[in-house]
């Protein structure tokens, strides 16, 4: 696995866990780098199940959604799944207001909940 600046990647019983390392995903350059790293990881590793954990992220631009949508599309092309977790309430509310939670993205409170849902 490659070394990334904005995310940490590990595998747990067949599920790829992506931990966002950058607490403020708001600047355009940071958002673009995060998106590039996430897509590169998916392209290089071809995971079947991915959880992106936002635990510790304090601010997140809605521009991040584009990268997550691209990641989901790339994963779905390989019949893989994506779940999000660990979002601060203010970030999660943005996904709810945009009607993305439960329709486009499955968002869980904790990593454990995401792992349980993927292992079903």
PDB file of N, CA and C in Angstrom:
ATOM      1  N   UNK A   1       0.832  -1.180   0.000  1.00  0.00           N
ATOM      2  CA  UNK A   1       0.000   0.000   0.000  1.00  0.00           C
ATOM      3  C   UNK A   1       0.879   1.246   0.000  1.00  0.00           C
ATOM      4  N   UNK A   2       0.386   2.247  -0.675  1.00  0.00           N
ATOM      5  CA  UNK A   2       1.125   3.501  -0.790  1.00  0.00           C
ATOM      6  C   UNK A   2       1.031   4.310   0.505  1.00  0.00           C
ATOM      7  N   UNK A   3       1.983   5.216   0.664  1.00  0.00           N
ATOM      8  CA  UNK A   3       1.922   6.162   1.774  1.00  0.00           C
ATOM      9  C   UNK A   3       1.110   7.365   1.333  1.00  0.00           C
ATOM     10  N   UNK A   4       0.198   7.800   2.177  1.00  0.00           N
ATOM     11  CA  UNK A   4      -0.667   8.912   1.849  1.00  0.00           C
ATOM     12  C   UNK A   4      -0.519  10.010   2.893  1.00  0.00           C
ATOM     13  N   UNK A   5      -0.786  11.226   2.491  1.00  0.00           N
ATOM     14  CA  UNK A   5      -0.697  12.373   3.380  1.00  0.00           C
ATOM     15  C   UNK A   5      -1.992  12.597   4.160  1.00  0.00           C
ATOM     16  N   UNK A   6      -3.134  12.320   3.520  1.00  0.00           N
ATOM     17  CA  UNK A   6      -4.421  12.668   4.112  1.00  0.00           C
ATOM     18  C   UNK A   6      -5.224  11.477   4.612  1.00  0.00           C
ATOM     19  N   UNK A   7      -4.710  10.278   4.402  1.00  0.00           N
ATOM     20  CA  UNK A   7      -5.438   9.111   4.879  1.00  0.00           C
ATOM     21  C   UNK A   7      -4.512   7.979   5.250  1.00  0.00           C
ATOM     22  N   UNK A   8      -5.013   7.152   6.155  1.00  0.00           N
ATOM     23  CA  UNK A   8      -4.313   5.962   6.601  1.00  0.00           C
ATOM     24  C   UNK A   8      -5.178   4.775   6.178  1.00  0.00           C
ATOM     25  N   UNK A   9      -4.547   3.748   5.652  1.00  0.00           N
ATOM     26  CA  UNK A   9      -5.294   2.597   5.144  1.00  0.00           C
ATOM     27  C   UNK A   9      -4.833   1.329   5.849  1.00  0.00           C
ATOM     28  N   UNK A  10      -5.807   0.561   6.322  1.00  0.00           N
ATOM     29  CA  UNK A  10      -5.516  -0.753   6.890  1.00  0.00           C
ATOM     30  C   UNK A  10      -6.639  -1.701   6.487  1.00  0.00           C
ATOM     31  N   UNK A  11      -6.371  -2.974   6.603  1.00  0.00           N
ATOM     32  CA  UNK A  11      -7.371  -3.976   6.278  1.00  0.00           C
ATOM     33  C   UNK A  11      -7.688  -4.787   7.523  1.00  0.00           C
ATOM     34  N   UNK A  12      -8.977  -5.020   7.736  1.00  0.00           N
ATOM     35  CA  UNK A  12      -9.436  -5.792   8.886  1.00  0.00           C
ATOM     36  C   UNK A  12     -10.419  -6.829   8.386  1.00  0.00           C
ATOM     37  N   UNK A  13      -9.979  -8.081   8.330  1.00  0.00           N
ATOM     38  CA  UNK A  13     -10.834  -9.194   7.923  1.00  0.00           C
ATOM     39  C   UNK A  13     -11.554  -8.913   6.601  1.00  0.00           C
ATOM     40  N   UNK A  14     -10.784  -8.451   5.621  1.00  0.00           N
ATOM     41  CA  UNK A  14     -11.325  -8.248   4.281  1.00  0.00           C
ATOM     42  C   UNK A  14     -11.972  -6.894   4.029  1.00  0.00           C
ATOM     43  N   UNK A  15     -12.040  -6.056   5.048  1.00  0.00           N
ATOM     44  CA  UNK A  15     -12.610  -4.719   4.887  1.00  0.00           C
ATOM     45  C   UNK A  15     -11.472  -3.700   4.935  1.00  0.00           C
ATOM     46  N   UNK A  16     -11.416  -2.837   3.940  1.00  0.00           N
ATOM     47  CA  UNK A  16     -10.417  -1.783   3.908  1.00  0.00           C
ATOM     48  C   UNK A  16     -10.944  -0.596   4.705  1.00  0.00           C
ATOM     49  N   UNK A  17     -10.174  -0.202   5.706  1.00  0.00           N
ATOM     50  CA  UNK A  17     -10.557   0.920   6.562  1.00  0.00           C
ATOM     51  C   UNK A  17      -9.672   2.109   6.211  1.00  0.00           C
ATOM     52  N   UNK A  18     -10.315   3.184   5.800  1.00  0.00           N
ATOM     53  CA  UNK A  18      -9.614   4.416   5.457  1.00  0.00           C
ATOM     54  C   UNK A  18      -9.901   5.430   6.561  1.00  0.00           C
ATOM     55  N   UNK A  19      -8.872   5.822   7.283  1.00  0.00           N
ATOM     56  CA  UNK A  19      -9.009   6.839   8.327  1.00  0.00           C
ATOM     57  C   UNK A  19      -8.527   8.162   7.759  1.00  0.00           C
ATOM     58  N   UNK A  20      -9.398   9.155   7.758  1.00  0.00           N
ATOM     59  CA  UNK A  20      -9.019  10.483   7.304  1.00  0.00           C
ATOM     60  C   UNK A  20      -8.111  11.098   8.368  1.00  0.00           C
ATOM     61  N   UNK A  21      -6.927  11.552   7.961  1.00  0.00           N
ATOM     62  CA  UNK A  21      -5.937  12.073   8.896  1.00  0.00           C
ATOM     63  C   UNK A  21      -5.965  13.590   9.033  1.00  0.00           C
ATOM     64  N   UNK A  22      -6.557  14.267   8.082  1.00  0.00           N
ATOM     65  CA  UNK A  22      -6.550  15.720   8.052  1.00  0.00           C
ATOM     66  C   UNK A  22      -7.795  16.262   8.759  1.00  0.00           C
ATOM     67  N   UNK A  23      -7.626  16.997   9.864  1.00  0.00           N
ATOM     68  CA  UNK A  23      -8.797  17.451  10.622  1.00  0.00           C
ATOM     69  C   UNK A  23      -9.633  18.523   9.926  1.00  0.00           C
ATOM     70  N   UNK A  24      -9.036  19.222   8.967  1.00  0.00           N
ATOM     71  CA  UNK A  24      -9.784  20.256   8.247  1.00  0.00           C
ATOM     72  C   UNK A  24      -9.675  20.013   6.742  1.00  0.00           C
ATOM     73  N   UNK A  25     -10.724  19.448   6.194  1.00  0.00           N
ATOM     74  CA  UNK A  25     -10.779  19.183   4.753  1.00  0.00           C
ATOM     75  C   UNK A  25     -11.566  20.314   4.089  1.00  0.00           C
ATOM     76  N   UNK A  26     -10.948  21.494   4.027  1.00  0.00           N
ATOM     77  CA  UNK A  26     -11.681  22.635   3.511  1.00  0.00           C
ATOM     78  C   UNK A  26     -10.973  23.361   2.371  1.00  0.00           C
ATOM     79  N   UNK A  27      -9.663  23.397   2.366  1.00  0.00           N
ATOM     80  CA  UNK A  27      -8.944  24.076   1.296  1.00  0.00           C
ATOM     81  C   UNK A  27      -9.010  23.250   0.017  1.00  0.00           C
ATOM     82  N   UNK A  28      -9.122  23.927  -1.108  1.00  0.00           N
ATOM     83  CA  UNK A  28      -9.280  23.252  -2.405  1.00  0.00           C
ATOM     84  C   UNK A  28      -8.156  22.259  -2.680  1.00  0.00           C
ATOM     85  N   UNK A  29      -6.925  22.648  -2.395  1.00  0.00           N
ATOM     86  CA  UNK A  29      -5.782  21.763  -2.649  1.00  0.00           C
ATOM     87  C   UNK A  29      -5.866  20.509  -1.783  1.00  0.00           C
ATOM     88  N   UNK A  30      -6.201  20.668  -0.511  1.00  0.00           N
ATOM     89  CA  UNK A  30      -6.308  19.531   0.405  1.00  0.00           C
ATOM     90  C   UNK A  30      -7.418  18.591  -0.053  1.00  0.00           C
ATOM     91  N   UNK A  31      -8.555  19.152  -0.447  1.00  0.00           N
ATOM     92  CA  UNK A  31      -9.680  18.338  -0.921  1.00  0.00           C
ATOM     93  C   UNK A  31      -9.269  17.551  -2.159  1.00  0.00           C
ATOM     94  N   UNK A  32      -8.585  18.208  -3.091  1.00  0.00           N
ATOM     95  CA  UNK A  32      -8.137  17.530  -4.320  1.00  0.00           C
ATOM     96  C   UNK A  32      -7.138  16.424  -4.005  1.00  0.00           C
ATOM     97  N   UNK A  33      -6.211  16.682  -3.094  1.00  0.00           N
ATOM     98  CA  UNK A  33      -5.225  15.666  -2.715  1.00  0.00           C
ATOM     99  C   UNK A  33      -5.903  14.479  -2.041  1.00  0.00           C
ATOM    100  N   UNK A  34      -6.852  14.753  -1.143  1.00  0.00           N
ATOM    101  CA  UNK A  34      -7.596  13.677  -0.483  1.00  0.00           C
ATOM    102  C   UNK A  34      -8.301  12.819  -1.518  1.00  0.00           C
ATOM    103  N   UNK A  35      -8.986  13.462  -2.437  1.00  0.00           N
ATOM    104  CA  UNK A  35      -9.715  12.743  -3.481  1.00  0.00           C
ATOM    105  C   UNK A  35      -8.764  11.884  -4.311  1.00  0.00           C
ATOM    106  N   UNK A  36      -7.641  12.454  -4.710  1.00  0.00           N
ATOM    107  CA  UNK A  36      -6.662  11.709  -5.513  1.00  0.00           C
ATOM    108  C   UNK A  36      -6.131  10.491  -4.746  1.00  0.00           C
ATOM    109  N   UNK A  37      -5.845  10.673  -3.465  1.00  0.00           N
ATOM    110  CA  UNK A  37      -5.329   9.570  -2.658  1.00  0.00           C
ATOM    111  C   UNK A  37      -6.368   8.461  -2.506  1.00  0.00           C
ATOM    112  N   UNK A  38      -7.610   8.836  -2.251  1.00  0.00           N
ATOM    113  CA  UNK A  38      -8.671   7.839  -2.090  1.00  0.00           C
ATOM    114  C   UNK A  38      -8.879   7.060  -3.378  1.00  0.00           C
ATOM    115  N   UNK A  39      -8.921   7.745  -4.501  1.00  0.00           N
ATOM    116  CA  UNK A  39      -9.127   7.071  -5.783  1.00  0.00           C
ATOM    117  C   UNK A  39      -7.935   6.202  -6.156  1.00  0.00           C
ATOM    118  N   UNK A  40      -6.716   6.664  -5.824  1.00  0.00           N
ATOM    119  CA  UNK A  40      -5.522   5.856  -6.103  1.00  0.00           C
ATOM    120  C   UNK A  40      -5.545   4.571  -5.278  1.00  0.00           C
ATOM    121  N   UNK A  41      -5.929   4.677  -4.007  1.00  0.00           N
ATOM    122  CA  UNK A  41      -5.999   3.493  -3.152  1.00  0.00           C
ATOM    123  C   UNK A  41      -6.988   2.485  -3.740  1.00  0.00           C
ATOM    124  N   UNK A  42      -8.145   2.962  -4.161  1.00  0.00           N
ATOM    125  CA  UNK A  42      -9.160   2.066  -4.728  1.00  0.00           C
ATOM    126  C   UNK A  42      -8.650   1.442  -6.015  1.00  0.00           C
ATOM    127  N   UNK A  43      -8.026   2.244  -6.852  1.00  0.00           N
ATOM    128  CA  UNK A  43      -7.500   1.740  -8.123  1.00  0.00           C
ATOM    129  C   UNK A  43      -6.389   0.722  -7.906  1.00  0.00           C
ATOM    130  N   UNK A  44      -5.487   0.993  -6.976  1.00  0.00           N
ATOM    131  CA  UNK A  44      -4.343   0.100  -6.732  1.00  0.00           C
ATOM    132  C   UNK A  44      -4.739  -1.188  -6.010  1.00  0.00           C
ATOM    133  N   UNK A  45      -5.639  -1.080  -5.024  1.00  0.00           N
ATOM    134  CA  UNK A  45      -5.932  -2.212  -4.147  1.00  0.00           C
ATOM    135  C   UNK A  45      -7.178  -3.006  -4.524  1.00  0.00           C
ATOM    136  N   UNK A  46      -8.080  -2.413  -5.320  1.00  0.00           N
ATOM    137  CA  UNK A  46      -9.346  -3.066  -5.700  1.00  0.00           C
ATOM    138  C   UNK A  46     -10.068  -3.697  -4.513  1.00  0.00           C
ATOM    139  N   UNK A  47     -10.321  -2.914  -3.457  1.00  0.00           N
ATOM    140  CA  UNK A  47     -10.993  -3.482  -2.285  1.00  0.00           C
ATOM    141  C   UNK A  47     -12.447  -3.835  -2.572  1.00  0.00           C
ATOM    142  N   UNK A  48     -12.983  -4.800  -1.836  1.00  0.00           N
ATOM    143  CA  UNK A  48     -14.383  -5.196  -2.000  1.00  0.00           C
ATOM    144  C   UNK A  48     -15.308  -4.473  -1.027  1.00  0.00           C
ATOM    145  N   UNK A  49     -14.770  -4.020   0.076  1.00  0.00           N
ATOM    146  CA  UNK A  49     -15.544  -3.280   1.072  1.00  0.00           C
ATOM    147  C   UNK A  49     -14.642  -2.194   1.646  1.00  0.00           C
ATOM    148  N   UNK A  50     -15.162  -0.956   1.681  1.00  0.00           N
ATOM    149  CA  UNK A  50     -14.382   0.170   2.186  1.00  0.00           C
ATOM    150  C   UNK A  50     -15.209   0.950   3.196  1.00  0.00           C
ATOM    151  N   UNK A  51     -14.582   1.274   4.305  1.00  0.00           N
ATOM    152  CA  UNK A  51     -15.163   2.189   5.287  1.00  0.00           C
ATOM    153  C   UNK A  51     -14.249   3.404   5.345  1.00  0.00           C
ATOM    154  N   UNK A  52     -14.829   4.587   5.170  1.00  0.00           N
ATOM    155  CA  UNK A  52     -14.077   5.824   5.341  1.00  0.00           C
ATOM    156  C   UNK A  52     -14.501   6.427   6.671  1.00  0.00           C
ATOM    157  N   UNK A  53     -13.559   6.512   7.597  1.00  0.00           N
ATOM    158  CA  UNK A  53     -13.824   7.046   8.928  1.00  0.00           C
ATOM    159  C   UNK A  53     -13.408   8.508   8.994  1.00  0.00           C
ATOM    160  N   UNK A  54     -14.360   9.342   9.369  1.00  0.00           N
ATOM    161  CA  UNK A  54     -14.119  10.767   9.522  1.00  0.00           C
ATOM    162  C   UNK A  54     -13.869  11.144  10.982  1.00  0.00           C
ATOM    163  N   UNK A  55     -13.593  10.148  11.824  1.00  0.00           N
ATOM    164  CA  UNK A  55     -13.337  10.420  13.245  1.00  0.00           C
ATOM    165  C   UNK A  55     -12.136  11.361  13.358  1.00  0.00           C
ATOM    166  N   UNK A  56     -12.340  12.458  14.068  1.00  0.00           N
ATOM    167  CA  UNK A  56     -11.278  13.445  14.233  1.00  0.00           C
ATOM    168  C   UNK A  56     -11.319  14.569  13.221  1.00  0.00           C
ATOM    169  N   UNK A  57     -12.166  14.458  12.211  1.00  0.00           N
ATOM    170  CA  UNK A  57     -12.306  15.532  11.223  1.00  0.00           C
ATOM    171  C   UNK A  57     -13.254  16.575  11.803  1.00  0.00           C
ATOM    172  N   UNK A  58     -12.766  17.799  11.915  1.00  0.00           N
ATOM    173  CA  UNK A  58     -13.533  18.869  12.546  1.00  0.00           C
ATOM    174  C   UNK A  58     -14.286  19.729  11.543  1.00  0.00           C
ATOM    175  N   UNK A  59     -13.739  19.840  10.352  1.00  0.00           N
ATOM    176  CA  UNK A  59     -14.373  20.639   9.307  1.00  0.00           C
ATOM    177  C   UNK A  59     -14.182  19.943   7.980  1.00  0.00           C
ATOM    178  N   UNK A  60     -15.241  19.924   7.211  1.00  0.00           N
ATOM    179  CA  UNK A  60     -15.198  19.189   5.943  1.00  0.00           C
ATOM    180  C   UNK A  60     -16.008  19.952   4.908  1.00  0.00           C
ATOM    181  N   UNK A  61     -15.355  20.410   3.878  1.00  0.00           N
ATOM    182  CA  UNK A  61     -16.026  21.106   2.790  1.00  0.00           C
ATOM    183  C   UNK A  61     -16.963  20.142   2.068  1.00  0.00           C
ATOM    184  N   UNK A  62     -18.057  20.656   1.559  1.00  0.00           N
ATOM    185  CA  UNK A  62     -18.960  19.801   0.788  1.00  0.00           C
ATOM    186  C   UNK A  62     -18.296  19.370  -0.522  1.00  0.00           C
ATOM    187  N   UNK A  63     -17.193  19.997  -0.887  1.00  0.00           N
ATOM    188  CA  UNK A  63     -16.456  19.580  -2.084  1.00  0.00           C
ATOM    189  C   UNK A  63     -15.922  18.158  -1.932  1.00  0.00           C
ATOM    190  N   UNK A  64     -15.780  17.694  -0.707  1.00  0.00           N
ATOM    191  CA  UNK A  64     -15.329  16.319  -0.442  1.00  0.00           C
ATOM    192  C   UNK A  64     -16.328  15.322  -1.014  1.00  0.00           C
ATOM    193  N   UNK A  65     -17.594  15.722  -1.083  1.00  0.00           N
ATOM    194  CA  UNK A  65     -18.645  14.833  -1.575  1.00  0.00           C
ATOM    195  C   UNK A  65     -18.347  14.366  -2.987  1.00  0.00           C
ATOM    196  N   UNK A  66     -17.813  15.237  -3.815  1.00  0.00           N
ATOM    197  CA  UNK A  66     -17.474  14.846  -5.187  1.00  0.00           C
ATOM    198  C   UNK A  66     -16.484  13.690  -5.197  1.00  0.00           C
ATOM    199  N   UNK A  67     -15.463  13.765  -4.363  1.00  0.00           N
ATOM    200  CA  UNK A  67     -14.479  12.683  -4.280  1.00  0.00           C
ATOM    201  C   UNK A  67     -15.097  11.393  -3.785  1.00  0.00           C
ATOM    202  N   UNK A  68     -15.996  11.500  -2.809  1.00  0.00           N
ATOM    203  CA  UNK A  68     -16.666  10.305  -2.297  1.00  0.00           C
ATOM    204  C   UNK A  68     -17.601   9.705  -3.346  1.00  0.00           C
ATOM    205  N   UNK A  69     -18.254  10.555  -4.116  1.00  0.00           N
ATOM    206  CA  UNK A  69     -19.118  10.053  -5.193  1.00  0.00           C
ATOM    207  C   UNK A  69     -18.297   9.329  -6.256  1.00  0.00           C
ATOM    208  N   UNK A  70     -17.157   9.896  -6.598  1.00  0.00           N
ATOM    209  CA  UNK A  70     -16.274   9.237  -7.579  1.00  0.00           C
ATOM    210  C   UNK A  70     -15.755   7.907  -7.035  1.00  0.00           C
ATOM    211  N   UNK A  71     -15.404   7.890  -5.757  1.00  0.00           N
ATOM    212  CA  UNK A  71     -14.930   6.649  -5.129  1.00  0.00           C
ATOM    213  C   UNK A  71     -16.031   5.599  -5.139  1.00  0.00           C
ATOM    214  N   UNK A  72     -17.250   6.011  -4.798  1.00  0.00           N
ATOM    215  CA  UNK A  72     -18.371   5.062  -4.776  1.00  0.00           C
ATOM    216  C   UNK A  72     -18.622   4.497  -6.169  1.00  0.00           C
ATOM    217  N   UNK A  73     -18.575   5.355  -7.181  1.00  0.00           N
ATOM    218  CA  UNK A  73     -18.789   4.901  -8.558  1.00  0.00           C
ATOM    219  C   UNK A  73     -17.709   3.893  -8.964  1.00  0.00           C
ATOM    220  N   UNK A  74     -16.470   4.189  -8.612  1.00  0.00           N
ATOM    221  CA  UNK A  74     -15.354   3.290  -8.930  1.00  0.00           C
ATOM    222  C   UNK A  74     -15.525   1.955  -8.207  1.00  0.00           C
ATOM    223  N   UNK A  75     -15.942   1.991  -6.961  1.00  0.00           N
ATOM    224  CA  UNK A  75     -16.156   0.762  -6.200  1.00  0.00           C
ATOM    225  C   UNK A  75     -17.326  -0.040  -6.766  1.00  0.00           C
ATOM    226  N   UNK A  76     -18.426   0.636  -7.093  1.00  0.00           N
ATOM    227  CA  UNK A  76     -19.602  -0.060  -7.616  1.00  0.00           C
ATOM    228  C   UNK A  76     -19.309  -0.757  -8.943  1.00  0.00           C
ATOM    229  N   UNK A  77     -18.391  -0.220  -9.724  1.00  0.00           N
ATOM    230  CA  UNK A  77     -18.014  -0.857 -10.982  1.00  0.00           C
ATOM    231  C   UNK A  77     -17.421  -2.239 -10.743  1.00  0.00           C
ATOM    232  N   UNK A  78     -16.892  -2.463  -9.527  1.00  0.00           N
ATOM    233  CA  UNK A  78     -16.309  -3.752  -9.147  1.00  0.00           C
ATOM    234  C   UNK A  78     -17.175  -4.482  -8.123  1.00  0.00           C
ATOM    235  N   UNK A  79     -18.453  -4.096  -8.034  1.00  0.00           N
ATOM    236  CA  UNK A  79     -19.387  -4.686  -7.073  1.00  0.00           C
ATOM    237  C   UNK A  79     -18.887  -4.580  -5.637  1.00  0.00           C
ATOM    238  N   UNK A  80     -18.180  -3.514  -5.341  1.00  0.00           N
ATOM    239  CA  UNK A  80     -17.670  -3.283  -3.986  1.00  0.00           C
ATOM    240  C   UNK A  80     -18.570  -2.283  -3.259  1.00  0.00           C
ATOM    241  N   UNK A  81     -18.435  -2.259  -1.935  1.00  0.00           N
ATOM    242  CA  UNK A  81     -19.296  -1.423  -1.103  1.00  0.00           C
ATOM    243  C   UNK A  81     -18.498  -0.321  -0.412  1.00  0.00           C
ATOM    244  N   UNK A  82     -19.204   0.785  -0.117  1.00  0.00           N
ATOM    245  CA  UNK A  82     -18.610   1.909   0.603  1.00  0.00           C
ATOM    246  C   UNK A  82     -19.544   2.337   1.721  1.00  0.00           C
ATOM    247  N   UNK A  83     -18.971   2.534   2.908  1.00  0.00           N
ATOM    248  CA  UNK A  83     -19.715   3.090   4.040  1.00  0.00           C
ATOM    249  C   UNK A  83     -18.869   4.198   4.648  1.00  0.00           C
ATOM    250  N   UNK A  84     -19.531   5.165   5.244  1.00  0.00           N
ATOM    251  CA  UNK A  84     -18.869   6.267   5.929  1.00  0.00           C
ATOM    252  C   UNK A  84     -19.204   6.185   7.407  1.00  0.00           C
ATOM    253  N   UNK A  85     -18.315   6.682   8.261  1.00  0.00           N
ATOM    254  CA  UNK A  85     -18.597   6.657   9.697  1.00  0.00           C
ATOM    255  C   UNK A  85     -17.814   7.737  10.421  1.00  0.00           C
ATOM    256  N   UNK A  86     -18.186   7.922  11.697  1.00  0.00           N
ATOM    257  CA  UNK A  86     -17.427   8.767  12.599  1.00  0.00           C
ATOM    258  C   UNK A  86     -17.509  10.257  12.329  1.00  0.00           C
ATOM    259  N   UNK A  87     -18.563  10.714  11.671  1.00  0.00           N
ATOM    260  CA  UNK A  87     -18.682  12.133  11.345  1.00  0.00           C
ATOM    261  C   UNK A  87     -19.156  12.946  12.544  1.00  0.00           C
ATOM    262  N   UNK A  88     -18.558  14.126  12.711  1.00  0.00           N
ATOM    263  CA  UNK A  88     -19.075  15.087  13.676  1.00  0.00           C
ATOM    264  C   UNK A  88     -20.502  15.445  13.250  1.00  0.00           C
ATOM    265  N   UNK A  89     -21.329  15.794  14.197  1.00  0.00           N
ATOM    266  CA  UNK A  89     -22.739  16.061  13.904  1.00  0.00           C
ATOM    267  C   UNK A  89     -22.924  17.133  12.835  1.00  0.00           C
ATOM    268  N   UNK A  90     -22.134  18.198  12.880  1.00  0.00           N
ATOM    269  CA  UNK A  90     -22.291  19.280  11.908  1.00  0.00           C
ATOM    270  C   UNK A  90     -21.984  18.803  10.484  1.00  0.00           C
ATOM    271  N   UNK A  91     -21.021  17.914  10.335  1.00  0.00           N
ATOM    272  CA  UNK A  91     -20.695  17.368   9.017  1.00  0.00           C
ATOM    273  C   UNK A  91     -21.807  16.439   8.555  1.00  0.00           C
ATOM    274  N   UNK A  92     -22.258  15.597   9.447  1.00  0.00           N
ATOM    275  CA  UNK A  92     -23.323  14.654   9.101  1.00  0.00           C
ATOM    276  C   UNK A  92     -24.611  15.383   8.718  1.00  0.00           C
ATOM    277  N   UNK A  93     -24.892  16.474   9.397  1.00  0.00           N
ATOM    278  CA  UNK A  93     -26.091  17.247   9.080  1.00  0.00           C
ATOM    279  C   UNK A  93     -26.062  17.776   7.652  1.00  0.00           C
ATOM    280  N   UNK A  94     -24.885  18.118   7.152  1.00  0.00           N
ATOM    281  CA  UNK A  94     -24.770  18.577   5.766  1.00  0.00           C
ATOM    282  C   UNK A  94     -25.187  17.458   4.806  1.00  0.00           C
ATOM    283  N   UNK A  95     -24.770  16.234   5.088  1.00  0.00           N
ATOM    284  CA  UNK A  95     -25.155  15.091   4.248  1.00  0.00           C
ATOM    285  C   UNK A  95     -26.665  14.841   4.344  1.00  0.00           C
ATOM    286  N   UNK A  96     -27.218  15.041   5.527  1.00  0.00           N
ATOM    287  CA  UNK A  96     -28.659  14.862   5.705  1.00  0.00           C
ATOM    288  C   UNK A  96     -29.439  15.945   4.969  1.00  0.00           C
ATOM    289  N   UNK A  97     -28.991  17.199   5.059  1.00  0.00           N
ATOM    290  CA  UNK A  97     -29.685  18.292   4.382  1.00  0.00           C
ATOM    291  C   UNK A  97     -29.645  18.138   2.865  1.00  0.00           C
ATOM    292  N   UNK A  98     -28.573  17.538   2.369  1.00  0.00           N
ATOM    293  CA  UNK A  98     -28.451  17.300   0.925  1.00  0.00           C
ATOM    294  C   UNK A  98     -29.108  15.983   0.503  1.00  0.00           C
ATOM    295  N   UNK A  99     -29.753  15.322   1.454  1.00  0.00           N
ATOM    296  CA  UNK A  99     -30.444  14.044   1.222  1.00  0.00           C
ATOM    297  C   UNK A  99     -29.506  12.970   0.661  1.00  0.00           C
ATOM    298  N   UNK A 100     -28.279  12.963   1.182  1.00  0.00           N
ATOM    299  CA  UNK A 100     -27.292  11.972   0.758  1.00  0.00           C
ATOM    300  C   UNK A 100     -27.221  10.784   1.708  1.00  0.00           C
ATOM    301  N   UNK A 101     -27.520  11.020   2.982  1.00  0.00           N
ATOM    302  CA  UNK A 101     -27.472   9.928   3.953  1.00  0.00           C
ATOM    303  C   UNK A 101     -28.657   8.997   3.738  1.00  0.00           C
ATOM    304  N   UNK A 102     -28.343   7.713   3.592  1.00  0.00           N
ATOM    305  CA  UNK A 102     -29.388   6.711   3.421  1.00  0.00           C
ATOM    306  C   UNK A 102     -29.865   6.558   1.988  1.00  0.00           C
ATOM    307  N   UNK A 103     -29.484   7.479   1.132  1.00  0.00           N
ATOM    308  CA  UNK A 103     -29.844   7.367  -0.284  1.00  0.00           C
ATOM    309  C   UNK A 103     -28.603   7.097  -1.125  1.00  0.00           C
ATOM    310  N   UNK A 104     -27.620   7.970  -0.995  1.00  0.00           N
ATOM    311  CA  UNK A 104     -26.373   7.825  -1.755  1.00  0.00           C
ATOM    312  C   UNK A 104     -25.292   7.169  -0.897  1.00  0.00           C
ATOM    313  N   UNK A 105     -25.209   7.606   0.364  1.00  0.00           N
ATOM    314  CA  UNK A 105     -24.178   7.091   1.261  1.00  0.00           C
ATOM    315  C   UNK A 105     -24.810   6.444   2.483  1.00  0.00           C
ATOM    316  N   UNK A 106     -24.234   5.319   2.904  1.00  0.00           N
ATOM    317  CA  UNK A 106     -24.592   4.695   4.177  1.00  0.00           C
ATOM    318  C   UNK A 106     -23.615   5.247   5.208  1.00  0.00           C
ATOM    319  N   UNK A 107     -24.154   5.936   6.223  1.00  0.00           N
ATOM    320  CA  UNK A 107     -23.321   6.583   7.226  1.00  0.00           C
ATOM    321  C   UNK A 107     -23.655   5.996   8.594  1.00  0.00           C
ATOM    322  N   UNK A 108     -22.623   5.530   9.279  1.00  0.00           N
ATOM    323  CA  UNK A 108     -22.782   4.951  10.607  1.00  0.00           C
ATOM    324  C   UNK A 108     -22.129   5.853  11.644  1.00  0.00           C
ATOM    325  N   UNK A 109     -22.571   5.702  12.894  1.00  0.00           N
ATOM    326  CA  UNK A 109     -21.979   6.484  13.980  1.00  0.00           C
ATOM    327  C   UNK A 109     -20.544   6.060  14.253  1.00  0.00           C
ATOM    328  N   UNK A 110     -20.298   4.750  14.236  1.00  0.00           N
ATOM    329  CA  UNK A 110     -18.978   4.242  14.621  1.00  0.00           C
ATOM    330  C   UNK A 110     -18.411   3.287  13.564  1.00  0.00           C
ATOM    331  N   UNK A 111     -17.120   3.090  13.655  1.00  0.00           N
ATOM    332  CA  UNK A 111     -16.444   2.131  12.788  1.00  0.00           C
ATOM    333  C   UNK A 111     -16.993   0.728  13.020  1.00  0.00           C
ATOM    334  N   UNK A 112     -17.239   0.388  14.277  1.00  0.00           N
ATOM    335  CA  UNK A 112     -17.767  -0.945  14.596  1.00  0.00           C
ATOM    336  C   UNK A 112     -19.102  -1.192  13.901  1.00  0.00           C
ATOM    337  N   UNK A 113     -19.962  -0.177  13.856  1.00  0.00           N
ATOM    338  CA  UNK A 113     -21.250  -0.319  13.177  1.00  0.00           C
ATOM    339  C   UNK A 113     -21.050  -0.537  11.668  1.00  0.00           C
ATOM    340  N   UNK A 114     -20.131   0.208  11.076  1.00  0.00           N
ATOM    341  CA  UNK A 114     -19.853   0.034   9.644  1.00  0.00           C
ATOM    342  C   UNK A 114     -19.312  -1.362   9.339  1.00  0.00           C
ATOM    343  N   UNK A 115     -18.381  -1.816  10.174  1.00  0.00           N
ATOM    344  CA  UNK A 115     -17.818  -3.153   9.964  1.00  0.00           C
ATOM    345  C   UNK A 115     -18.880  -4.215  10.111  1.00  0.00           C
ATOM    346  N   UNK A 116     -19.751  -4.088  11.093  1.00  0.00           N
ATOM    347  CA  UNK A 116     -20.838  -5.069  11.298  1.00  0.00           C
ATOM    348  C   UNK A 116     -21.781  -5.071  10.093  1.00  0.00           C
ATOM    349  N   UNK A 117     -22.094  -3.905   9.565  1.00  0.00           N
ATOM    350  CA  UNK A 117     -23.010  -3.817   8.415  1.00  0.00           C
ATOM    351  C   UNK A 117     -22.394  -4.464   7.172  1.00  0.00           C
ATOM    352  N   UNK A 118     -21.097  -4.272   6.965  1.00  0.00           N
ATOM    353  CA  UNK A 118     -20.439  -4.849   5.789  1.00  0.00           C
ATOM    354  C   UNK A 118     -20.258  -6.364   5.921  1.00  0.00           C
ATOM    355  N   UNK A 119     -20.109  -6.830   7.131  1.00  0.00           N
ATOM    356  CA  UNK A 119     -19.905  -8.267   7.348  1.00  0.00           C
ATOM    357  C   UNK A 119     -21.228  -9.009   7.482  1.00  0.00           C
ATOM    358  N   UNK A 120     -22.298  -8.226   7.649  1.00  0.00           N
ATOM    359  CA  UNK A 120     -23.656  -8.621   7.698  1.00  0.00           C
ATOM    360  C   UNK A 120     -24.111  -9.881   8.209  1.00  0.00           C
TER     361      UNK A 120
END
